[in-house]
mmCIF file of all heavy atoms, coordinates in Angstrom:
data_MODEL
# 
_entry.id   MODEL 
# 
loop_
_atom_site.group_PDB 
_atom_site.id 
_atom_site.type_symbol 
_atom_site.label_atom_id 
_atom_site.label_alt_id 
_atom_site.label_comp_id 
_atom_site.label_asym_id 
_atom_site.label_entity_id 
_atom_site.label_seq_id 
_atom_site.pdbx_PDB_ins_code 
_atom_site.Cartn_x 
_atom_site.Cartn_y 
_atom_site.Cartn_z 
_atom_site.occupancy 
_atom_site.B_iso_or_equiv 
_atom_site.pdbx_formal_charge 
_atom_site.auth_seq_id 
_atom_site.auth_comp_id 
_atom_site.auth_asym_id 
_atom_site.auth_atom_id 
_atom_site.pdbx_PDB_model_num 
ATOM 1   N N   . PHE A 1 1  ? 174.699 -8.952  -283.379 1.00 0.00 ? 1  PHE A N   1 
ATOM 2   C CA  . PHE A 1 1  ? 174.815 -7.845  -284.254 1.00 0.00 ? 1  PHE A CA  1 
ATOM 3   C C   . PHE A 1 1  ? 173.634 -6.872  -283.934 1.00 0.00 ? 1  PHE A C   1 
ATOM 4   O O   . PHE A 1 1  ? 172.492 -7.375  -283.840 1.00 0.00 ? 1  PHE A O   1 
ATOM 5   C CB  . PHE A 1 1  ? 174.848 -8.125  -285.643 1.00 0.00 ? 1  PHE A CB  1 
ATOM 6   C CG  . PHE A 1 1  ? 176.127 -9.023  -286.052 1.00 0.00 ? 1  PHE A CG  1 
ATOM 7   C CD1 . PHE A 1 1  ? 176.026 -10.101 -286.883 1.00 0.00 ? 1  PHE A CD1 1 
ATOM 8   C CD2 . PHE A 1 1  ? 177.330 -8.592  -285.673 1.00 0.00 ? 1  PHE A CD2 1 
ATOM 9   C CE1 . PHE A 1 1  ? 177.116 -10.853 -287.274 1.00 0.00 ? 1  PHE A CE1 1 
ATOM 10  C CE2 . PHE A 1 1  ? 178.548 -9.238  -286.091 1.00 0.00 ? 1  PHE A CE2 1 
ATOM 11  C CZ  . PHE A 1 1  ? 178.371 -10.414 -286.916 1.00 0.00 ? 1  PHE A CZ  1 
ATOM 12  N N   . SER A 1 2  ? 173.863 -5.673  -283.857 1.00 0.00 ? 2  SER A N   1 
ATOM 13  C CA  . SER A 1 2  ? 172.780 -4.639  -283.544 1.00 0.00 ? 2  SER A CA  1 
ATOM 14  C C   . SER A 1 2  ? 172.779 -3.518  -284.618 1.00 0.00 ? 2  SER A C   1 
ATOM 15  O O   . SER A 1 2  ? 173.835 -2.953  -284.911 1.00 0.00 ? 2  SER A O   1 
ATOM 16  C CB  . SER A 1 2  ? 172.995 -4.010  -282.124 1.00 0.00 ? 2  SER A CB  1 
ATOM 17  O OG  . SER A 1 2  ? 172.140 -3.052  -281.846 1.00 0.00 ? 2  SER A OG  1 
ATOM 18  N N   . ALA A 1 3  ? 171.606 -3.208  -285.078 1.00 0.00 ? 3  ALA A N   1 
ATOM 19  C CA  . ALA A 1 3  ? 171.453 -2.128  -286.150 1.00 0.00 ? 3  ALA A CA  1 
ATOM 20  C C   . ALA A 1 3  ? 170.456 -1.170  -285.739 1.00 0.00 ? 3  ALA A C   1 
ATOM 21  O O   . ALA A 1 3  ? 169.312 -1.500  -285.401 1.00 0.00 ? 3  ALA A O   1 
ATOM 22  C CB  . ALA A 1 3  ? 170.990 -2.848  -287.474 1.00 0.00 ? 3  ALA A CB  1 
ATOM 23  N N   . ILE A 1 4  ? 170.796 0.103   -285.753 1.00 0.00 ? 4  ILE A N   1 
ATOM 24  C CA  . ILE A 1 4  ? 169.889 1.233   -285.427 1.00 0.00 ? 4  ILE A CA  1 
ATOM 25  C C   . ILE A 1 4  ? 169.767 2.111   -286.697 1.00 0.00 ? 4  ILE A C   1 
ATOM 26  O O   . ILE A 1 4  ? 170.779 2.601   -287.178 1.00 0.00 ? 4  ILE A O   1 
ATOM 27  C CB  . ILE A 1 4  ? 170.277 1.985   -284.221 1.00 0.00 ? 4  ILE A CB  1 
ATOM 28  C CG1 . ILE A 1 4  ? 170.291 1.077   -283.001 1.00 0.00 ? 4  ILE A CG1 1 
ATOM 29  C CG2 . ILE A 1 4  ? 169.397 3.204   -283.949 1.00 0.00 ? 4  ILE A CG2 1 
ATOM 30  C CD1 . ILE A 1 4  ? 170.737 1.800   -281.725 1.00 0.00 ? 4  ILE A CD1 1 
ATOM 31  N N   . GLN A 1 5  ? 168.574 2.315   -287.153 1.00 0.00 ? 5  GLN A N   1 
ATOM 32  C CA  . GLN A 1 5  ? 168.341 3.141   -288.333 1.00 0.00 ? 5  GLN A CA  1 
ATOM 33  C C   . GLN A 1 5  ? 168.789 4.621   -288.078 1.00 0.00 ? 5  GLN A C   1 
ATOM 34  O O   . GLN A 1 5  ? 168.669 5.088   -286.955 1.00 0.00 ? 5  GLN A O   1 
ATOM 35  C CB  . GLN A 1 5  ? 166.869 3.146   -288.731 1.00 0.00 ? 5  GLN A CB  1 
ATOM 36  C CG  . GLN A 1 5  ? 166.357 1.698   -289.025 1.00 0.00 ? 5  GLN A CG  1 
ATOM 37  C CD  . GLN A 1 5  ? 166.999 1.115   -290.234 1.00 0.00 ? 5  GLN A CD  1 
ATOM 38  O OE1 . GLN A 1 5  ? 167.226 1.849   -291.233 1.00 0.00 ? 5  GLN A OE1 1 
ATOM 39  N NE2 . GLN A 1 5  ? 167.282 -0.210  -290.154 1.00 0.00 ? 5  GLN A NE2 1 
ATOM 40  N N   . PRO A 1 6  ? 169.123 5.383   -289.213 1.00 0.00 ? 6  PRO A N   1 
ATOM 41  C CA  . PRO A 1 6  ? 169.328 6.842   -288.962 1.00 0.00 ? 6  PRO A CA  1 
ATOM 42  C C   . PRO A 1 6  ? 168.027 7.515   -288.538 1.00 0.00 ? 6  PRO A C   1 
ATOM 43  O O   . PRO A 1 6  ? 166.994 7.171   -289.077 1.00 0.00 ? 6  PRO A O   1 
ATOM 44  C CB  . PRO A 1 6  ? 169.764 7.227   -290.383 1.00 0.00 ? 6  PRO A CB  1 
ATOM 45  C CG  . PRO A 1 6  ? 169.264 6.213   -291.290 1.00 0.00 ? 6  PRO A CG  1 
ATOM 46  C CD  . PRO A 1 6  ? 169.312 4.903   -290.586 1.00 0.00 ? 6  PRO A CD  1 
ATOM 47  N N   . GLY A 1 7  ? 168.163 8.336   -287.526 1.00 0.00 ? 7  GLY A N   1 
ATOM 48  C CA  . GLY A 1 7  ? 166.953 8.986   -286.944 1.00 0.00 ? 7  GLY A CA  1 
ATOM 49  C C   . GLY A 1 7  ? 166.263 8.082   -286.021 1.00 0.00 ? 7  GLY A C   1 
ATOM 50  O O   . GLY A 1 7  ? 165.294 8.432   -285.326 1.00 0.00 ? 7  GLY A O   1 
ATOM 51  N N   . GLY A 1 8  ? 166.855 6.871   -285.771 1.00 0.00 ? 8  GLY A N   1 
ATOM 52  C CA  . GLY A 1 8  ? 166.262 5.912   -284.757 1.00 0.00 ? 8  GLY A CA  1 
ATOM 53  C C   . GLY A 1 8  ? 166.903 6.062   -283.449 1.00 0.00 ? 8  GLY A C   1 
ATOM 54  O O   . GLY A 1 8  ? 167.999 6.644   -283.252 1.00 0.00 ? 8  GLY A O   1 
ATOM 55  N N   . SER A 1 9  ? 166.230 5.588   -282.411 1.00 0.00 ? 9  SER A N   1 
ATOM 56  C CA  . SER A 1 9  ? 166.763 5.618   -281.051 1.00 0.00 ? 9  SER A CA  1 
ATOM 57  C C   . SER A 1 9  ? 166.218 4.397   -280.288 1.00 0.00 ? 9  SER A C   1 
ATOM 58  O O   . SER A 1 9  ? 165.179 3.855   -280.618 1.00 0.00 ? 9  SER A O   1 
ATOM 59  C CB  . SER A 1 9  ? 166.450 6.915   -280.408 1.00 0.00 ? 9  SER A CB  1 
ATOM 60  O OG  . SER A 1 9  ? 165.076 7.030   -280.207 1.00 0.00 ? 9  SER A OG  1 
ATOM 61  N N   . LEU A 1 10 ? 166.959 4.077   -279.205 1.00 0.00 ? 10 LEU A N   1 
ATOM 62  C CA  . LEU A 1 10 ? 166.449 3.139   -278.189 1.00 0.00 ? 10 LEU A CA  1 
ATOM 63  C C   . LEU A 1 10 ? 166.024 4.033   -276.993 1.00 0.00 ? 10 LEU A C   1 
ATOM 64  O O   . LEU A 1 10 ? 166.884 4.609   -276.445 1.00 0.00 ? 10 LEU A O   1 
ATOM 65  C CB  . LEU A 1 10 ? 167.475 2.108   -277.820 1.00 0.00 ? 10 LEU A CB  1 
ATOM 66  C CG  . LEU A 1 10 ? 168.019 1.264   -278.979 1.00 0.00 ? 10 LEU A CG  1 
ATOM 67  C CD1 . LEU A 1 10 ? 168.937 0.135   -278.393 1.00 0.00 ? 10 LEU A CD1 1 
ATOM 68  C CD2 . LEU A 1 10 ? 166.954 0.644   -279.813 1.00 0.00 ? 10 LEU A CD2 1 
ATOM 69  N N   . GLN A 1 11 ? 164.745 4.024   -276.663 1.00 0.00 ? 11 GLN A N   1 
ATOM 70  C CA  . GLN A 1 11 ? 164.331 5.007   -275.642 1.00 0.00 ? 11 GLN A CA  1 
ATOM 71  C C   . GLN A 1 11 ? 164.943 4.569   -274.241 1.00 0.00 ? 11 GLN A C   1 
ATOM 72  O O   . GLN A 1 11 ? 165.334 3.440   -274.109 1.00 0.00 ? 11 GLN A O   1 
ATOM 73  C CB  . GLN A 1 11 ? 162.810 5.050   -275.642 1.00 0.00 ? 11 GLN A CB  1 
ATOM 74  C CG  . GLN A 1 11 ? 162.194 5.375   -277.042 1.00 0.00 ? 11 GLN A CG  1 
ATOM 75  C CD  . GLN A 1 11 ? 162.333 6.875   -277.332 1.00 0.00 ? 11 GLN A CD  1 
ATOM 76  O OE1 . GLN A 1 11 ? 163.231 7.539   -276.855 1.00 0.00 ? 11 GLN A OE1 1 
ATOM 77  N NE2 . GLN A 1 11 ? 161.516 7.303   -278.211 1.00 0.00 ? 11 GLN A NE2 1 
ATOM 78  N N   . PRO A 1 12 ? 164.851 5.498   -273.279 1.00 0.00 ? 12 PRO A N   1 
ATOM 79  C CA  . PRO A 1 12 ? 165.436 5.140   -271.971 1.00 0.00 ? 12 PRO A CA  1 
ATOM 80  C C   . PRO A 1 12 ? 164.947 3.835   -271.375 1.00 0.00 ? 12 PRO A C   1 
ATOM 81  O O   . PRO A 1 12 ? 163.720 3.622   -271.322 1.00 0.00 ? 12 PRO A O   1 
ATOM 82  C CB  . PRO A 1 12 ? 165.047 6.340   -271.093 1.00 0.00 ? 12 PRO A CB  1 
ATOM 83  C CG  . PRO A 1 12 ? 164.966 7.474   -272.083 1.00 0.00 ? 12 PRO A CG  1 
ATOM 84  C CD  . PRO A 1 12 ? 164.389 6.866   -273.375 1.00 0.00 ? 12 PRO A CD  1 
ATOM 85  N N   . HIS A 1 13 ? 165.896 3.037   -270.892 1.00 0.00 ? 13 HIS A N   1 
ATOM 86  C CA  . HIS A 1 13 ? 165.547 1.708   -270.367 1.00 0.00 ? 13 HIS A CA  1 
ATOM 87  C C   . HIS A 1 13 ? 166.758 1.296   -269.475 1.00 0.00 ? 13 HIS A C   1 
ATOM 88  O O   . HIS A 1 13 ? 167.824 1.948   -269.460 1.00 0.00 ? 13 HIS A O   1 
ATOM 89  C CB  . HIS A 1 13 ? 165.281 0.735   -271.427 1.00 0.00 ? 13 HIS A CB  1 
ATOM 90  C CG  . HIS A 1 13 ? 166.455 0.441   -272.362 1.00 0.00 ? 13 HIS A CG  1 
ATOM 91  N ND1 . HIS A 1 13 ? 166.892 1.351   -273.277 1.00 0.00 ? 13 HIS A ND1 1 
ATOM 92  C CD2 . HIS A 1 13 ? 167.243 -0.655  -272.453 1.00 0.00 ? 13 HIS A CD2 1 
ATOM 93  C CE1 . HIS A 1 13 ? 167.896 0.863   -273.976 1.00 0.00 ? 13 HIS A CE1 1 
ATOM 94  N NE2 . HIS A 1 13 ? 168.137 -0.322  -273.455 1.00 0.00 ? 13 HIS A NE2 1 
ATOM 95  N N   . THR A 1 14 ? 166.590 0.148   -268.806 1.00 0.00 ? 14 THR A N   1 
ATOM 96  C CA  . THR A 1 14 ? 167.654 -0.359  -268.013 1.00 0.00 ? 14 THR A CA  1 
ATOM 97  C C   . THR A 1 14 ? 167.752 -1.872  -268.334 1.00 0.00 ? 14 THR A C   1 
ATOM 98  O O   . THR A 1 14 ? 166.833 -2.548  -268.831 1.00 0.00 ? 14 THR A O   1 
ATOM 99  C CB  . THR A 1 14 ? 167.473 -0.236  -266.523 1.00 0.00 ? 14 THR A CB  1 
ATOM 100 O OG1 . THR A 1 14 ? 166.240 -0.931  -266.162 1.00 0.00 ? 14 THR A OG1 1 
ATOM 101 C CG2 . THR A 1 14 ? 167.387 1.261   -266.080 1.00 0.00 ? 14 THR A CG2 1 
ATOM 102 N N   . GLY A 1 15 ? 168.956 -2.452  -267.991 1.00 0.00 ? 15 GLY A N   1 
ATOM 103 C CA  . GLY A 1 15 ? 169.165 -3.902  -268.180 1.00 0.00 ? 15 GLY A CA  1 
ATOM 104 C C   . GLY A 1 15 ? 168.808 -4.558  -266.943 1.00 0.00 ? 15 GLY A C   1 
ATOM 105 O O   . GLY A 1 15 ? 168.498 -3.986  -265.876 1.00 0.00 ? 15 GLY A O   1 
ATOM 106 N N   . PRO A 1 16 ? 168.926 -5.972  -266.884 1.00 0.00 ? 16 PRO A N   1 
ATOM 107 C CA  . PRO A 1 16 ? 168.405 -6.761  -265.800 1.00 0.00 ? 16 PRO A CA  1 
ATOM 108 C C   . PRO A 1 16 ? 169.249 -6.698  -264.545 1.00 0.00 ? 16 PRO A C   1 
ATOM 109 O O   . PRO A 1 16 ? 168.701 -6.754  -263.458 1.00 0.00 ? 16 PRO A O   1 
ATOM 110 C CB  . PRO A 1 16 ? 168.353 -8.137  -266.393 1.00 0.00 ? 16 PRO A CB  1 
ATOM 111 C CG  . PRO A 1 16 ? 169.319 -8.104  -267.511 1.00 0.00 ? 16 PRO A CG  1 
ATOM 112 C CD  . PRO A 1 16 ? 169.291 -6.769  -268.093 1.00 0.00 ? 16 PRO A CD  1 
ATOM 113 N N   . THR A 1 17 ? 170.583 -6.513  -264.655 1.00 0.00 ? 17 THR A N   1 
ATOM 114 C CA  . THR A 1 17 ? 171.419 -6.620  -263.453 1.00 0.00 ? 17 THR A CA  1 
ATOM 115 C C   . THR A 1 17 ? 172.709 -5.857  -263.565 1.00 0.00 ? 17 THR A C   1 
ATOM 116 O O   . THR A 1 17 ? 173.248 -5.733  -264.651 1.00 0.00 ? 17 THR A O   1 
ATOM 117 C CB  . THR A 1 17 ? 171.739 -8.141  -263.204 1.00 0.00 ? 17 THR A CB  1 
ATOM 118 O OG1 . THR A 1 17 ? 172.668 -8.213  -262.085 1.00 0.00 ? 17 THR A OG1 1 
ATOM 119 C CG2 . THR A 1 17 ? 172.391 -8.807  -264.381 1.00 0.00 ? 17 THR A CG2 1 
ATOM 120 N N   . ASN A 1 18 ? 173.174 -5.265  -262.448 1.00 0.00 ? 18 ASN A N   1 
ATOM 121 C CA  . ASN A 1 18 ? 174.460 -4.613  -262.422 1.00 0.00 ? 18 ASN A CA  1 
ATOM 122 C C   . ASN A 1 18 ? 175.614 -5.636  -262.398 1.00 0.00 ? 18 ASN A C   1 
ATOM 123 O O   . ASN A 1 18 ? 176.796 -5.283  -262.419 1.00 0.00 ? 18 ASN A O   1 
ATOM 124 C CB  . ASN A 1 18 ? 174.547 -3.693  -261.242 1.00 0.00 ? 18 ASN A CB  1 
ATOM 125 C CG  . ASN A 1 18 ? 174.479 -4.384  -259.891 1.00 0.00 ? 18 ASN A CG  1 
ATOM 126 O OD1 . ASN A 1 18 ? 173.604 -5.290  -259.641 1.00 0.00 ? 18 ASN A OD1 1 
ATOM 127 N ND2 . ASN A 1 18 ? 175.486 -4.118  -259.064 1.00 0.00 ? 18 ASN A ND2 1 
ATOM 128 N N   . ALA A 1 19 ? 175.283 -6.891  -262.254 1.00 0.00 ? 19 ALA A N   1 
ATOM 129 C CA  . ALA A 1 19 ? 176.413 -7.911  -262.240 1.00 0.00 ? 19 ALA A CA  1 
ATOM 130 C C   . ALA A 1 19 ? 176.839 -8.253  -263.652 1.00 0.00 ? 19 ALA A C   1 
ATOM 131 O O   . ALA A 1 19 ? 177.896 -8.869  -263.811 1.00 0.00 ? 19 ALA A O   1 
ATOM 132 C CB  . ALA A 1 19 ? 175.869 -9.241  -261.595 1.00 0.00 ? 19 ALA A CB  1 
ATOM 133 N N   . SER A 1 20 ? 176.212 -7.645  -264.677 1.00 0.00 ? 20 SER A N   1 
ATOM 134 C CA  . SER A 1 20 ? 176.579 -7.844  -266.089 1.00 0.00 ? 20 SER A CA  1 
ATOM 135 C C   . SER A 1 20 ? 176.923 -6.509  -266.737 1.00 0.00 ? 20 SER A C   1 
ATOM 136 O O   . SER A 1 20 ? 176.249 -5.574  -266.457 1.00 0.00 ? 20 SER A O   1 
ATOM 137 C CB  . SER A 1 20 ? 175.459 -8.535  -266.821 1.00 0.00 ? 20 SER A CB  1 
ATOM 138 O OG  . SER A 1 20 ? 175.848 -8.776  -268.202 1.00 0.00 ? 20 SER A OG  1 
ATOM 139 N N   . LEU A 1 21 ? 178.031 -6.443  -267.477 1.00 0.00 ? 21 LEU A N   1 
ATOM 140 C CA  . LEU A 1 21 ? 178.392 -5.280  -268.171 1.00 0.00 ? 21 LEU A CA  1 
ATOM 141 C C   . LEU A 1 21 ? 178.173 -5.561  -269.664 1.00 0.00 ? 21 LEU A C   1 
ATOM 142 O O   . LEU A 1 21 ? 178.000 -6.656  -270.158 1.00 0.00 ? 21 LEU A O   1 
ATOM 143 C CB  . LEU A 1 21 ? 179.848 -4.941  -267.919 1.00 0.00 ? 21 LEU A CB  1 
ATOM 144 C CG  . LEU A 1 21 ? 180.210 -4.606  -266.429 1.00 0.00 ? 21 LEU A CG  1 
ATOM 145 C CD1 . LEU A 1 21 ? 181.724 -4.301  -266.389 1.00 0.00 ? 21 LEU A CD1 1 
ATOM 146 C CD2 . LEU A 1 21 ? 179.357 -3.507  -265.857 1.00 0.00 ? 21 LEU A CD2 1 
ATOM 147 N N   . THR A 1 22 ? 178.118 -4.516  -270.459 1.00 0.00 ? 22 THR A N   1 
ATOM 148 C CA  . THR A 1 22 ? 177.904 -4.560  -271.927 1.00 0.00 ? 22 THR A CA  1 
ATOM 149 C C   . THR A 1 22 ? 178.973 -3.907  -272.744 1.00 0.00 ? 22 THR A C   1 
ATOM 150 O O   . THR A 1 22 ? 179.494 -2.855  -272.325 1.00 0.00 ? 22 THR A O   1 
ATOM 151 C CB  . THR A 1 22 ? 176.593 -3.925  -272.267 1.00 0.00 ? 22 THR A CB  1 
ATOM 152 O OG1 . THR A 1 22 ? 175.486 -4.584  -271.615 1.00 0.00 ? 22 THR A OG1 1 
ATOM 153 C CG2 . THR A 1 22 ? 176.299 -3.956  -273.847 1.00 0.00 ? 22 THR A CG2 1 
ATOM 154 N N   . ALA A 1 23 ? 179.449 -4.564  -273.761 1.00 0.00 ? 23 ALA A N   1 
ATOM 155 C CA  . ALA A 1 23 ? 180.503 -3.970  -274.604 1.00 0.00 ? 23 ALA A CA  1 
ATOM 156 C C   . ALA A 1 23 ? 179.953 -3.966  -275.981 1.00 0.00 ? 23 ALA A C   1 
ATOM 157 O O   . ALA A 1 23 ? 179.234 -4.921  -276.475 1.00 0.00 ? 23 ALA A O   1 
ATOM 158 C CB  . ALA A 1 23 ? 181.799 -4.840  -274.604 1.00 0.00 ? 23 ALA A CB  1 
ATOM 159 N N   . HIS A 1 24 ? 180.170 -2.839  -276.763 1.00 0.00 ? 24 HIS A N   1 
ATOM 160 C CA  . HIS A 1 24 ? 179.718 -2.733  -278.202 1.00 0.00 ? 24 HIS A CA  1 
ATOM 161 C C   . HIS A 1 24 ? 181.050 -2.439  -279.046 1.00 0.00 ? 24 HIS A C   1 
ATOM 162 O O   . HIS A 1 24 ? 181.835 -1.513  -278.781 1.00 0.00 ? 24 HIS A O   1 
ATOM 163 C CB  . HIS A 1 24 ? 178.872 -1.504  -278.345 1.00 0.00 ? 24 HIS A CB  1 
ATOM 164 C CG  . HIS A 1 24 ? 177.452 -1.815  -278.076 1.00 0.00 ? 24 HIS A CG  1 
ATOM 165 N ND1 . HIS A 1 24 ? 176.510 -2.114  -279.103 1.00 0.00 ? 24 HIS A ND1 1 
ATOM 166 C CD2 . HIS A 1 24 ? 176.776 -1.816  -276.906 1.00 0.00 ? 24 HIS A CD2 1 
ATOM 167 C CE1 . HIS A 1 24 ? 175.302 -2.266  -278.467 1.00 0.00 ? 24 HIS A CE1 1 
ATOM 168 N NE2 . HIS A 1 24 ? 175.433 -2.162  -277.176 1.00 0.00 ? 24 HIS A NE2 1 
ATOM 169 N N   . LEU A 1 25 ? 181.277 -3.320  -279.997 1.00 0.00 ? 25 LEU A N   1 
ATOM 170 C CA  . LEU A 1 25 ? 182.311 -3.080  -281.008 1.00 0.00 ? 25 LEU A CA  1 
ATOM 171 C C   . LEU A 1 25 ? 181.690 -2.324  -282.116 1.00 0.00 ? 25 LEU A C   1 
ATOM 172 O O   . LEU A 1 25 ? 180.764 -2.761  -282.751 1.00 0.00 ? 25 LEU A O   1 
ATOM 173 C CB  . LEU A 1 25 ? 182.925 -4.340  -281.475 1.00 0.00 ? 25 LEU A CB  1 
ATOM 174 C CG  . LEU A 1 25 ? 183.775 -4.230  -282.717 1.00 0.00 ? 25 LEU A CG  1 
ATOM 175 C CD1 . LEU A 1 25 ? 185.115 -3.469  -282.400 1.00 0.00 ? 25 LEU A CD1 1 
ATOM 176 C CD2 . LEU A 1 25 ? 184.145 -5.607  -283.311 1.00 0.00 ? 25 LEU A CD2 1 
ATOM 177 N N   . GLY A 1 26 ? 182.171 -1.078  -282.360 1.00 0.00 ? 26 GLY A N   1 
ATOM 178 C CA  . GLY A 1 26 ? 181.688 -0.324  -283.513 1.00 0.00 ? 26 GLY A CA  1 
ATOM 179 C C   . GLY A 1 26 ? 182.088 -0.908  -284.790 1.00 0.00 ? 26 GLY A C   1 
ATOM 180 O O   . GLY A 1 26 ? 183.269 -1.026  -285.163 1.00 0.00 ? 26 GLY A O   1 
ATOM 181 N N   . LEU A 1 27 ? 181.106 -1.380  -285.619 1.00 0.00 ? 27 LEU A N   1 
ATOM 182 C CA  . LEU A 1 27 ? 181.380 -2.041  -286.868 1.00 0.00 ? 27 LEU A CA  1 
ATOM 183 C C   . LEU A 1 27 ? 181.334 -1.148  -288.092 1.00 0.00 ? 27 LEU A C   1 
ATOM 184 O O   . LEU A 1 27 ? 182.245 -1.058  -288.898 1.00 0.00 ? 27 LEU A O   1 
ATOM 185 C CB  . LEU A 1 27 ? 180.501 -3.196  -287.082 1.00 0.00 ? 27 LEU A CB  1 
ATOM 186 C CG  . LEU A 1 27 ? 180.649 -4.400  -286.168 1.00 0.00 ? 27 LEU A CG  1 
ATOM 187 C CD1 . LEU A 1 27 ? 179.557 -5.441  -286.305 1.00 0.00 ? 27 LEU A CD1 1 
ATOM 188 C CD2 . LEU A 1 27 ? 182.027 -4.999  -286.394 1.00 0.00 ? 27 LEU A CD2 1 
ATOM 189 N N   . ARG A 1 28 ? 180.239 -0.325  -288.158 1.00 0.00 ? 28 ARG A N   1 
ATOM 190 C CA  . ARG A 1 28 ? 180.116 0.539   -289.323 1.00 0.00 ? 28 ARG A CA  1 
ATOM 191 C C   . ARG A 1 28 ? 179.190 1.745   -289.036 1.00 0.00 ? 28 ARG A C   1 
ATOM 192 O O   . ARG A 1 28 ? 178.148 1.534   -288.314 1.00 0.00 ? 28 ARG A O   1 
ATOM 193 C CB  . ARG A 1 28 ? 179.569 -0.321  -290.527 1.00 0.00 ? 28 ARG A CB  1 
ATOM 194 C CG  . ARG A 1 28 ? 179.325 0.572   -291.794 1.00 0.00 ? 28 ARG A CG  1 
ATOM 195 C CD  . ARG A 1 28 ? 178.773 -0.355  -292.906 1.00 0.00 ? 28 ARG A CD  1 
ATOM 196 N NE  . ARG A 1 28 ? 179.809 -1.203  -293.443 1.00 0.00 ? 28 ARG A NE  1 
ATOM 197 C CZ  . ARG A 1 28 ? 179.562 -2.459  -293.818 1.00 0.00 ? 28 ARG A CZ  1 
ATOM 198 N NH1 . ARG A 1 28 ? 178.252 -2.939  -293.748 1.00 0.00 ? 28 ARG A NH1 1 
ATOM 199 N NH2 . ARG A 1 28 ? 180.438 -3.271  -294.297 1.00 0.00 ? 28 ARG A NH2 1 
# 
């Protein structure tokens, strides 16, 4: 589960490998 505060952000970055994809289910 991932929570980001209002006014918050995750600054530019990359993940470890292009062999893995990421999915996010919008909860609330």
